[in-house]
């Protein structure tokens, strides 16, 4: 398995709009990408300008397929101005 974590720092006041697009992207990823096994979207009311993602793919190639998918490209374009900063990390060893 291949895990991707993403921490988005949003511009103040954009979380509601951002989540609308993010939740649609997550649902489309799980529904249309057979090698996307998990796509969790996490928030905390104490940090309204932060969104954390936990994604699980079969392998790194499956993640590259995700990045090139029409739904991701559309999402990325729409939310670009809402994002102040983004940190992406990947993990290649997963124990459950």
PDB file of N, CA and C in Angstrom:
ATOM      1  N   UNK A   1       0.831  -1.192   0.000  1.00  0.00           N
ATOM      2  CA  UNK A   1       0.000   0.000   0.000  1.00  0.00           C
ATOM      3  C   UNK A   1       0.875   1.256   0.000  1.00  0.00           C
ATOM      4  N   UNK A   2       0.284   2.328  -0.438  1.00  0.00           N
ATOM      5  CA  UNK A   2       0.964   3.611  -0.551  1.00  0.00           C
ATOM      6  C   UNK A   2       0.057   4.656   0.093  1.00  0.00           C
ATOM      7  N   UNK A   3       0.561   5.336   1.108  1.00  0.00           N
ATOM      8  CA  UNK A   3      -0.236   6.317   1.845  1.00  0.00           C
ATOM      9  C   UNK A   3       0.231   7.725   1.513  1.00  0.00           C
ATOM     10  N   UNK A   4      -0.736   8.600   1.349  1.00  0.00           N
ATOM     11  CA  UNK A   4      -0.479  10.017   1.107  1.00  0.00           C
ATOM     12  C   UNK A   4      -1.196  10.809   2.196  1.00  0.00           C
ATOM     13  N   UNK A   5      -0.467  11.714   2.844  1.00  0.00           N
ATOM     14  CA  UNK A   5      -1.110  12.660   3.758  1.00  0.00           C
ATOM     15  C   UNK A   5      -0.905  14.057   3.195  1.00  0.00           C
ATOM     16  N   UNK A   6      -1.934  14.849   3.342  1.00  0.00           N
ATOM     17  CA  UNK A   6      -1.873  16.226   2.853  1.00  0.00           C
ATOM     18  C   UNK A   6      -2.442  17.135   3.937  1.00  0.00           C
ATOM     19  N   UNK A   7      -1.721  18.181   4.256  1.00  0.00           N
ATOM     20  CA  UNK A   7      -2.231  19.205   5.156  1.00  0.00           C
ATOM     21  C   UNK A   7      -2.390  20.496   4.365  1.00  0.00           C
ATOM     22  N   UNK A   8      -3.618  20.953   4.284  1.00  0.00           N
ATOM     23  CA  UNK A   8      -3.926  22.222   3.625  1.00  0.00           C
ATOM     24  C   UNK A   8      -4.054  23.303   4.686  1.00  0.00           C
ATOM     25  N   UNK A   9      -3.398  24.420   4.473  1.00  0.00           N
ATOM     26  CA  UNK A   9      -3.619  25.636   5.252  1.00  0.00           C
ATOM     27  C   UNK A   9      -4.407  26.560   4.321  1.00  0.00           C
ATOM     28  N   UNK A  10      -5.606  26.888   4.740  1.00  0.00           N
ATOM     29  CA  UNK A  10      -6.503  27.662   3.891  1.00  0.00           C
ATOM     30  C   UNK A  10      -6.471  29.141   4.252  1.00  0.00           C
ATOM     31  N   UNK A  11      -6.813  29.959   3.284  1.00  0.00           N
ATOM     32  CA  UNK A  11      -7.004  31.374   3.578  1.00  0.00           C
ATOM     33  C   UNK A  11      -8.231  31.492   4.482  1.00  0.00           C
ATOM     34  N   UNK A  12      -8.194  32.391   5.451  1.00  0.00           N
ATOM     35  CA  UNK A  12      -9.310  32.519   6.397  1.00  0.00           C
ATOM     36  C   UNK A  12     -10.661  32.666   5.692  1.00  0.00           C
ATOM     37  N   UNK A  13     -11.634  31.943   6.229  1.00  0.00           N
ATOM     38  CA  UNK A  13     -12.999  32.043   5.733  1.00  0.00           C
ATOM     39  C   UNK A  13     -13.325  31.204   4.516  1.00  0.00           C
ATOM     40  N   UNK A  14     -12.403  30.355   4.068  1.00  0.00           N
ATOM     41  CA  UNK A  14     -12.647  29.578   2.844  1.00  0.00           C
ATOM     42  C   UNK A  14     -12.961  28.107   3.104  1.00  0.00           C
ATOM     43  N   UNK A  15     -12.925  27.660   4.370  1.00  0.00           N
ATOM     44  CA  UNK A  15     -13.058  26.225   4.633  1.00  0.00           C
ATOM     45  C   UNK A  15     -14.380  25.640   4.128  1.00  0.00           C
ATOM     46  N   UNK A  16     -15.493  26.323   4.330  1.00  0.00           N
ATOM     47  CA  UNK A  16     -16.784  25.783   3.902  1.00  0.00           C
ATOM     48  C   UNK A  16     -16.803  25.534   2.398  1.00  0.00           C
ATOM     49  N   UNK A  17     -16.380  26.500   1.626  1.00  0.00           N
ATOM     50  CA  UNK A  17     -16.339  26.338   0.170  1.00  0.00           C
ATOM     51  C   UNK A  17     -15.334  25.263  -0.222  1.00  0.00           C
ATOM     52  N   UNK A  18     -14.170  25.273   0.417  1.00  0.00           N
ATOM     53  CA  UNK A  18     -13.137  24.286   0.114  1.00  0.00           C
ATOM     54  C   UNK A  18     -13.655  22.876   0.364  1.00  0.00           C
ATOM     55  N   UNK A  19     -14.318  22.664   1.500  1.00  0.00           N
ATOM     56  CA  UNK A  19     -14.809  21.322   1.837  1.00  0.00           C
ATOM     57  C   UNK A  19     -15.847  20.820   0.843  1.00  0.00           C
ATOM     58  N   UNK A  20     -16.652  21.703   0.300  1.00  0.00           N
ATOM     59  CA  UNK A  20     -17.626  21.301  -0.718  1.00  0.00           C
ATOM     60  C   UNK A  20     -16.911  20.609  -1.879  1.00  0.00           C
ATOM     61  N   UNK A  21     -15.856  21.214  -2.351  1.00  0.00           N
ATOM     62  CA  UNK A  21     -15.108  20.647  -3.475  1.00  0.00           C
ATOM     63  C   UNK A  21     -14.258  19.452  -3.046  1.00  0.00           C
ATOM     64  N   UNK A  22     -13.683  19.523  -1.858  1.00  0.00           N
ATOM     65  CA  UNK A  22     -12.839  18.427  -1.380  1.00  0.00           C
ATOM     66  C   UNK A  22     -13.649  17.152  -1.181  1.00  0.00           C
ATOM     67  N   UNK A  23     -14.824  17.257  -0.567  1.00  0.00           N
ATOM     68  CA  UNK A  23     -15.638  16.067  -0.328  1.00  0.00           C
ATOM     69  C   UNK A  23     -16.111  15.452  -1.644  1.00  0.00           C
ATOM     70  N   UNK A  24     -16.405  16.276  -2.627  1.00  0.00           N
ATOM     71  CA  UNK A  24     -16.767  15.753  -3.952  1.00  0.00           C
ATOM     72  C   UNK A  24     -15.576  15.046  -4.585  1.00  0.00           C
ATOM     73  N   UNK A  25     -14.391  15.622  -4.467  1.00  0.00           N
ATOM     74  CA  UNK A  25     -13.180  15.003  -5.003  1.00  0.00           C
ATOM     75  C   UNK A  25     -12.914  13.660  -4.324  1.00  0.00           C
ATOM     76  N   UNK A  26     -13.075  13.608  -3.011  1.00  0.00           N
ATOM     77  CA  UNK A  26     -12.854  12.359  -2.276  1.00  0.00           C
ATOM     78  C   UNK A  26     -13.835  11.285  -2.737  1.00  0.00           C
ATOM     79  N   UNK A  27     -15.103  11.640  -2.863  1.00  0.00           N
ATOM     80  CA  UNK A  27     -16.117  10.672  -3.296  1.00  0.00           C
ATOM     81  C   UNK A  27     -15.834  10.175  -4.713  1.00  0.00           C
ATOM     82  N   UNK A  28     -15.449  11.081  -5.603  1.00  0.00           N
ATOM     83  CA  UNK A  28     -15.133  10.677  -6.973  1.00  0.00           C
ATOM     84  C   UNK A  28     -13.889   9.805  -7.013  1.00  0.00           C
ATOM     85  N   UNK A  29     -12.916  10.100  -6.179  1.00  0.00           N
ATOM     86  CA  UNK A  29     -11.695   9.287  -6.134  1.00  0.00           C
ATOM     87  C   UNK A  29     -12.026   7.866  -5.712  1.00  0.00           C
ATOM     88  N   UNK A  30     -12.818   7.730  -4.658  1.00  0.00           N
ATOM     89  CA  UNK A  30     -13.188   6.397  -4.173  1.00  0.00           C
ATOM     90  C   UNK A  30     -14.084   5.663  -5.166  1.00  0.00           C
ATOM     91  N   UNK A  31     -14.948   6.384  -5.853  1.00  0.00           N
ATOM     92  CA  UNK A  31     -15.881   5.750  -6.774  1.00  0.00           C
ATOM     93  C   UNK A  31     -15.305   5.417  -8.134  1.00  0.00           C
ATOM     94  N   UNK A  32     -14.368   6.216  -8.609  1.00  0.00           N
ATOM     95  CA  UNK A  32     -13.880   6.068  -9.986  1.00  0.00           C
ATOM     96  C   UNK A  32     -12.477   5.488 -10.090  1.00  0.00           C
ATOM     97  N   UNK A  33     -11.760   5.437  -8.972  1.00  0.00           N
ATOM     98  CA  UNK A  33     -10.384   4.947  -9.004  1.00  0.00           C
ATOM     99  C   UNK A  33     -10.301   3.634  -8.213  1.00  0.00           C
ATOM    100  N   UNK A  34     -10.283   2.488  -8.906  1.00  0.00           N
ATOM    101  CA  UNK A  34     -10.281   1.205  -8.199  1.00  0.00           C
ATOM    102  C   UNK A  34      -9.081   1.004  -7.275  1.00  0.00           C
ATOM    103  N   UNK A  35      -7.998   1.736  -7.525  1.00  0.00           N
ATOM    104  CA  UNK A  35      -6.810   1.569  -6.680  1.00  0.00           C
ATOM    105  C   UNK A  35      -6.692   2.652  -5.603  1.00  0.00           C
ATOM    106  N   UNK A  36      -7.758   3.409  -5.412  1.00  0.00           N
ATOM    107  CA  UNK A  36      -7.865   4.332  -4.271  1.00  0.00           C
ATOM    108  C   UNK A  36      -8.733   3.618  -3.240  1.00  0.00           C
ATOM    109  N   UNK A  37      -8.130   3.227  -2.127  1.00  0.00           N
ATOM    110  CA  UNK A  37      -8.809   2.393  -1.135  1.00  0.00           C
ATOM    111  C   UNK A  37      -9.382   3.185   0.033  1.00  0.00           C
ATOM    112  N   UNK A  38      -8.864   4.350   0.290  1.00  0.00           N
ATOM    113  CA  UNK A  38      -9.321   5.156   1.419  1.00  0.00           C
ATOM    114  C   UNK A  38      -9.014   6.611   1.119  1.00  0.00           C
ATOM    115  N   UNK A  39      -9.936   7.480   1.517  1.00  0.00           N
ATOM    116  CA  UNK A  39      -9.745   8.914   1.296  1.00  0.00           C
ATOM    117  C   UNK A  39     -10.480   9.645   2.411  1.00  0.00           C
ATOM    118  N   UNK A  40      -9.780   9.880   3.501  1.00  0.00           N
ATOM    119  CA  UNK A  40     -10.366  10.534   4.668  1.00  0.00           C
ATOM    120  C   UNK A  40     -10.079  12.030   4.627  1.00  0.00           C
ATOM    121  N   UNK A  41     -11.095  12.811   4.904  1.00  0.00           N
ATOM    122  CA  UNK A  41     -10.984  14.266   4.981  1.00  0.00           C
ATOM    123  C   UNK A  41     -11.240  14.644   6.437  1.00  0.00           C
ATOM    124  N   UNK A  42     -10.254  15.271   7.082  1.00  0.00           N
ATOM    125  CA  UNK A  42     -10.320  15.534   8.523  1.00  0.00           C
ATOM    126  C   UNK A  42     -10.227  17.030   8.805  1.00  0.00           C
ATOM    127  N   UNK A  43     -11.061  17.486   9.741  1.00  0.00           N
ATOM    128  CA  UNK A  43     -11.020  18.877  10.190  1.00  0.00           C
ATOM    129  C   UNK A  43     -11.169  18.915  11.708  1.00  0.00           C
ATOM    130  N   UNK A  44     -10.897  20.065  12.284  1.00  0.00           N
ATOM    131  CA  UNK A  44     -11.073  20.286  13.716  1.00  0.00           C
ATOM    132  C   UNK A  44     -11.576  21.717  13.895  1.00  0.00           C
ATOM    133  N   UNK A  45     -12.695  21.900  14.594  1.00  0.00           N
ATOM    134  CA  UNK A  45     -13.222  23.253  14.782  1.00  0.00           C
ATOM    135  C   UNK A  45     -12.221  24.224  15.410  1.00  0.00           C
ATOM    136  N   UNK A  46     -11.262  23.694  16.160  1.00  0.00           N
ATOM    137  CA  UNK A  46     -10.253  24.562  16.779  1.00  0.00           C
ATOM    138  C   UNK A  46      -9.259  25.110  15.754  1.00  0.00           C
ATOM    139  N   UNK A  47      -9.219  24.477  14.565  1.00  0.00           N
ATOM    140  CA  UNK A  47      -8.306  24.912  13.497  1.00  0.00           C
ATOM    141  C   UNK A  47      -9.109  25.057  12.193  1.00  0.00           C
ATOM    142  N   UNK A  48      -9.925  26.095  12.081  1.00  0.00           N
ATOM    143  CA  UNK A  48     -10.836  26.211  10.940  1.00  0.00           C
ATOM    144  C   UNK A  48     -10.153  26.462   9.599  1.00  0.00           C
ATOM    145  N   UNK A  49      -8.892  26.776   9.618  1.00  0.00           N
ATOM    146  CA  UNK A  49      -8.189  27.034   8.358  1.00  0.00           C
ATOM    147  C   UNK A  49      -7.285  25.871   7.958  1.00  0.00           C
ATOM    148  N   UNK A  50      -7.529  24.693   8.540  1.00  0.00           N
ATOM    149  CA  UNK A  50      -6.705  23.519   8.245  1.00  0.00           C
ATOM    150  C   UNK A  50      -7.600  22.345   7.843  1.00  0.00           C
ATOM    151  N   UNK A  51      -7.170  21.627   6.808  1.00  0.00           N
ATOM    152  CA  UNK A  51      -7.820  20.383   6.389  1.00  0.00           C
ATOM    153  C   UNK A  51      -6.724  19.352   6.186  1.00  0.00           C
ATOM    154  N   UNK A  52      -6.933  18.166   6.753  1.00  0.00           N
ATOM    155  CA  UNK A  52      -5.951  17.089   6.677  1.00  0.00           C
ATOM    156  C   UNK A  52      -6.557  15.925   5.902  1.00  0.00           C
ATOM    157  N   UNK A  53      -5.786  15.366   4.979  1.00  0.00           N
ATOM    158  CA  UNK A  53      -6.227  14.206   4.200  1.00  0.00           C
ATOM    159  C   UNK A  53      -5.367  13.000   4.514  1.00  0.00           C
ATOM    160  N   UNK A  54      -6.014  11.825   4.536  1.00  0.00           N
ATOM    161  CA  UNK A  54      -5.315  10.549   4.658  1.00  0.00           C
ATOM    162  C   UNK A  54      -5.837   9.682   3.525  1.00  0.00           C
ATOM    163  N   UNK A  55      -4.960   9.377   2.572  1.00  0.00           N
ATOM    164  CA  UNK A  55      -5.352   8.641   1.372  1.00  0.00           C
ATOM    165  C   UNK A  55      -4.525   7.364   1.265  1.00  0.00           C
ATOM    166  N   UNK A  56      -5.168   6.268   0.837  1.00  0.00           N
ATOM    167  CA  UNK A  56      -4.471   4.999   0.663  1.00  0.00           C
ATOM    168  C   UNK A  56      -4.694   4.511  -0.766  1.00  0.00           C
ATOM    169  N   UNK A  57      -3.584   4.225  -1.437  1.00  0.00           N
ATOM    170  CA  UNK A  57      -3.598   3.724  -2.811  1.00  0.00           C
ATOM    171  C   UNK A  57      -2.865   2.390  -2.865  1.00  0.00           C
ATOM    172  N   UNK A  58      -3.077   1.645  -3.929  1.00  0.00           N
ATOM    173  CA  UNK A  58      -2.383   0.372  -4.104  1.00  0.00           C
ATOM    174  C   UNK A  58      -0.878   0.586  -4.155  1.00  0.00           C
ATOM    175  N   UNK A  59      -0.464   1.605  -4.904  1.00  0.00           N
ATOM    176  CA  UNK A  59       0.962   1.891  -5.050  1.00  0.00           C
ATOM    177  C   UNK A  59       1.139   3.325  -5.552  1.00  0.00           C
ATOM    178  N   UNK A  60       2.389   3.724  -5.721  1.00  0.00           N
ATOM    179  CA  UNK A  60       2.685   5.091  -6.164  1.00  0.00           C
ATOM    180  C   UNK A  60       2.114   5.373  -7.554  1.00  0.00           C
ATOM    181  N   UNK A  61       2.087   4.366  -8.414  1.00  0.00           N
ATOM    182  CA  UNK A  61       1.514   4.563  -9.747  1.00  0.00           C
ATOM    183  C   UNK A  61       0.029   4.912  -9.665  1.00  0.00           C
ATOM    184  N   UNK A  62      -0.684   4.279  -8.741  1.00  0.00           N
ATOM    185  CA  UNK A  62      -2.112   4.574  -8.567  1.00  0.00           C
ATOM    186  C   UNK A  62      -2.314   6.023  -8.115  1.00  0.00           C
ATOM    187  N   UNK A  63      -1.404   6.512  -7.289  1.00  0.00           N
ATOM    188  CA  UNK A  63      -1.491   7.917  -6.871  1.00  0.00           C
ATOM    189  C   UNK A  63      -1.249   8.845  -8.060  1.00  0.00           C
ATOM    190  N   UNK A  64      -0.329   8.494  -8.936  1.00  0.00           N
ATOM    191  CA  UNK A  64      -0.093   9.305 -10.133  1.00  0.00           C
ATOM    192  C   UNK A  64      -1.327   9.323 -11.034  1.00  0.00           C
ATOM    193  N   UNK A  65      -2.027   8.193 -11.121  1.00  0.00           N
ATOM    194  CA  UNK A  65      -3.283   8.147 -11.878  1.00  0.00           C
ATOM    195  C   UNK A  65      -4.278   9.133 -11.264  1.00  0.00           C
ATOM    196  N   UNK A  66      -4.347   9.147  -9.944  1.00  0.00           N
ATOM    197  CA  UNK A  66      -5.238  10.083  -9.243  1.00  0.00           C
ATOM    198  C   UNK A  66      -4.904  11.534  -9.607  1.00  0.00           C
ATOM    199  N   UNK A  67      -3.625  11.875  -9.566  1.00  0.00           N
ATOM    200  CA  UNK A  67      -3.212  13.254  -9.841  1.00  0.00           C
ATOM    201  C   UNK A  67      -3.542  13.700 -11.263  1.00  0.00           C
ATOM    202  N   UNK A  68      -3.669  12.748 -12.179  1.00  0.00           N
ATOM    203  CA  UNK A  68      -3.976  13.068 -13.576  1.00  0.00           C
ATOM    204  C   UNK A  68      -5.464  12.945 -13.901  1.00  0.00           C
ATOM    205  N   UNK A  69      -6.264  12.489 -12.924  1.00  0.00           N
ATOM    206  CA  UNK A  69      -7.693  12.285 -13.178  1.00  0.00           C
ATOM    207  C   UNK A  69      -8.391  13.626 -13.419  1.00  0.00           C
ATOM    208  N   UNK A  70      -9.443  13.580 -14.213  1.00  0.00           N
ATOM    209  CA  UNK A  70     -10.187  14.804 -14.528  1.00  0.00           C
ATOM    210  C   UNK A  70     -10.772  15.436 -13.272  1.00  0.00           C
ATOM    211  N   UNK A  71     -11.283  14.607 -12.350  1.00  0.00           N
ATOM    212  CA  UNK A  71     -11.899  15.184 -11.149  1.00  0.00           C
ATOM    213  C   UNK A  71     -10.857  15.859 -10.262  1.00  0.00           C
ATOM    214  N   UNK A  72      -9.633  15.298 -10.177  1.00  0.00           N
ATOM    215  CA  UNK A  72      -8.609  15.957  -9.367  1.00  0.00           C
ATOM    216  C   UNK A  72      -8.135  17.251 -10.021  1.00  0.00           C
ATOM    217  N   UNK A  73      -7.888  17.219 -11.309  1.00  0.00           N
ATOM    218  CA  UNK A  73      -7.418  18.418 -12.015  1.00  0.00           C
ATOM    219  C   UNK A  73      -8.444  19.544 -11.870  1.00  0.00           C
ATOM    220  N   UNK A  74      -9.722  19.206 -11.996  1.00  0.00           N
ATOM    221  CA  UNK A  74     -10.779  20.200 -11.827  1.00  0.00           C
ATOM    222  C   UNK A  74     -10.797  20.747 -10.402  1.00  0.00           C
ATOM    223  N   UNK A  75     -10.737  19.847  -9.414  1.00  0.00           N
ATOM    224  CA  UNK A  75     -10.699  20.254  -8.006  1.00  0.00           C
ATOM    225  C   UNK A  75      -9.520  21.188  -7.747  1.00  0.00           C
ATOM    226  N   UNK A  76      -8.351  20.790  -8.192  1.00  0.00           N
ATOM    227  CA  UNK A  76      -7.130  21.553  -7.940  1.00  0.00           C
ATOM    228  C   UNK A  76      -7.229  22.966  -8.516  1.00  0.00           C
ATOM    229  N   UNK A  77      -7.826  23.078  -9.676  1.00  0.00           N
ATOM    230  CA  UNK A  77      -7.995  24.382 -10.317  1.00  0.00           C
ATOM    231  C   UNK A  77      -8.972  25.263  -9.536  1.00  0.00           C
ATOM    232  N   UNK A  78     -10.082  24.683  -9.116  1.00  0.00           N
ATOM    233  CA  UNK A  78     -11.129  25.445  -8.430  1.00  0.00           C
ATOM    234  C   UNK A  78     -10.669  25.957  -7.070  1.00  0.00           C
ATOM    235  N   UNK A  79      -9.900  25.149  -6.329  1.00  0.00           N
ATOM    236  CA  UNK A  79      -9.534  25.540  -4.953  1.00  0.00           C
ATOM    237  C   UNK A  79      -8.203  26.279  -4.861  1.00  0.00           C
ATOM    238  N   UNK A  80      -7.508  26.405  -5.943  1.00  0.00           N
ATOM    239  CA  UNK A  80      -6.156  26.982  -5.931  1.00  0.00           C
ATOM    240  C   UNK A  80      -6.064  28.281  -5.128  1.00  0.00           C
ATOM    241  N   UNK A  81      -7.002  29.185  -5.312  1.00  0.00           N
ATOM    242  CA  UNK A  81      -6.941  30.479  -4.624  1.00  0.00           C
ATOM    243  C   UNK A  81      -7.391  30.411  -3.164  1.00  0.00           C
ATOM    244  N   UNK A  82      -7.938  29.287  -2.743  1.00  0.00           N
ATOM    245  CA  UNK A  82      -8.352  29.107  -1.345  1.00  0.00           C
ATOM    246  C   UNK A  82      -7.200  28.612  -0.473  1.00  0.00           C
ATOM    247  N   UNK A  83      -6.168  28.067  -1.095  1.00  0.00           N
ATOM    248  CA  UNK A  83      -5.084  27.400  -0.376  1.00  0.00           C
ATOM    249  C   UNK A  83      -3.914  28.355  -0.160  1.00  0.00           C
ATOM    250  N   UNK A  84      -3.558  28.544   1.114  1.00  0.00           N
ATOM    251  CA  UNK A  84      -2.395  29.367   1.452  1.00  0.00           C
ATOM    252  C   UNK A  84      -1.115  28.547   1.406  1.00  0.00           C
ATOM    253  N   UNK A  85      -1.216  27.260   1.799  1.00  0.00           N
ATOM    254  CA  UNK A  85      -0.045  26.381   1.836  1.00  0.00           C
ATOM    255  C   UNK A  85      -0.530  24.941   1.828  1.00  0.00           C
ATOM    256  N   UNK A  86       0.305  24.058   1.295  1.00  0.00           N
ATOM    257  CA  UNK A  86      -0.045  22.639   1.236  1.00  0.00           C
ATOM    258  C   UNK A  86       1.213  21.823   1.468  1.00  0.00           C
ATOM    259  N   UNK A  87       1.121  20.842   2.365  1.00  0.00           N
ATOM    260  CA  UNK A  87       2.233  19.932   2.637  1.00  0.00           C
ATOM    261  C   UNK A  87       1.788  18.518   2.302  1.00  0.00           C
ATOM    262  N   UNK A  88       2.528  17.853   1.421  1.00  0.00           N
ATOM    263  CA  UNK A  88       2.217  16.485   1.014  1.00  0.00           C
ATOM    264  C   UNK A  88       3.339  15.573   1.484  1.00  0.00           C
ATOM    265  N   UNK A  89       2.961  14.468   2.114  1.00  0.00           N
ATOM    266  CA  UNK A  89       3.929  13.443   2.508  1.00  0.00           C
ATOM    267  C   UNK A  89       3.436  12.097   2.008  1.00  0.00           C
ATOM    268  N   UNK A  90       4.383  11.214   1.682  1.00  0.00           N
ATOM    269  CA  UNK A  90       4.019   9.861   1.263  1.00  0.00           C
ATOM    270  C   UNK A  90       4.736   8.842   2.136  1.00  0.00           C
ATOM    271  N   UNK A  91       4.098   7.684   2.251  1.00  0.00           N
ATOM    272  CA  UNK A  91       4.621   6.589   3.066  1.00  0.00           C
ATOM    273  C   UNK A  91       4.463   5.299   2.271  1.00  0.00           C
ATOM    274  N   UNK A  92       5.535   4.529   2.186  1.00  0.00           N
ATOM    275  CA  UNK A  92       5.508   3.310   1.378  1.00  0.00           C
ATOM    276  C   UNK A  92       5.391   2.036   2.208  1.00  0.00           C
ATOM    277  N   UNK A  93       5.515   2.141   3.510  1.00  0.00           N
ATOM    278  CA  UNK A  93       5.334   0.974   4.375  1.00  0.00           C
ATOM    279  C   UNK A  93       4.168   1.249   5.304  1.00  0.00           C
ATOM    280  N   UNK A  94       3.172   0.374   5.256  1.00  0.00           N
ATOM    281  CA  UNK A  94       1.959   0.563   6.042  1.00  0.00           C
ATOM    282  C   UNK A  94       1.671  -0.716   6.813  1.00  0.00           C
ATOM    283  N   UNK A  95       1.511  -0.581   8.110  1.00  0.00           N
ATOM    284  CA  UNK A  95       1.127  -1.722   8.949  1.00  0.00           C
ATOM    285  C   UNK A  95      -0.239  -1.437   9.545  1.00  0.00           C
ATOM    286  N   UNK A  96      -1.094  -2.443   9.542  1.00  0.00           N
ATOM    287  CA  UNK A  96      -2.431  -2.273  10.131  1.00  0.00           C
ATOM    288  C   UNK A  96      -2.665  -3.343  11.166  1.00  0.00           C
TER     289      UNK A  96
END
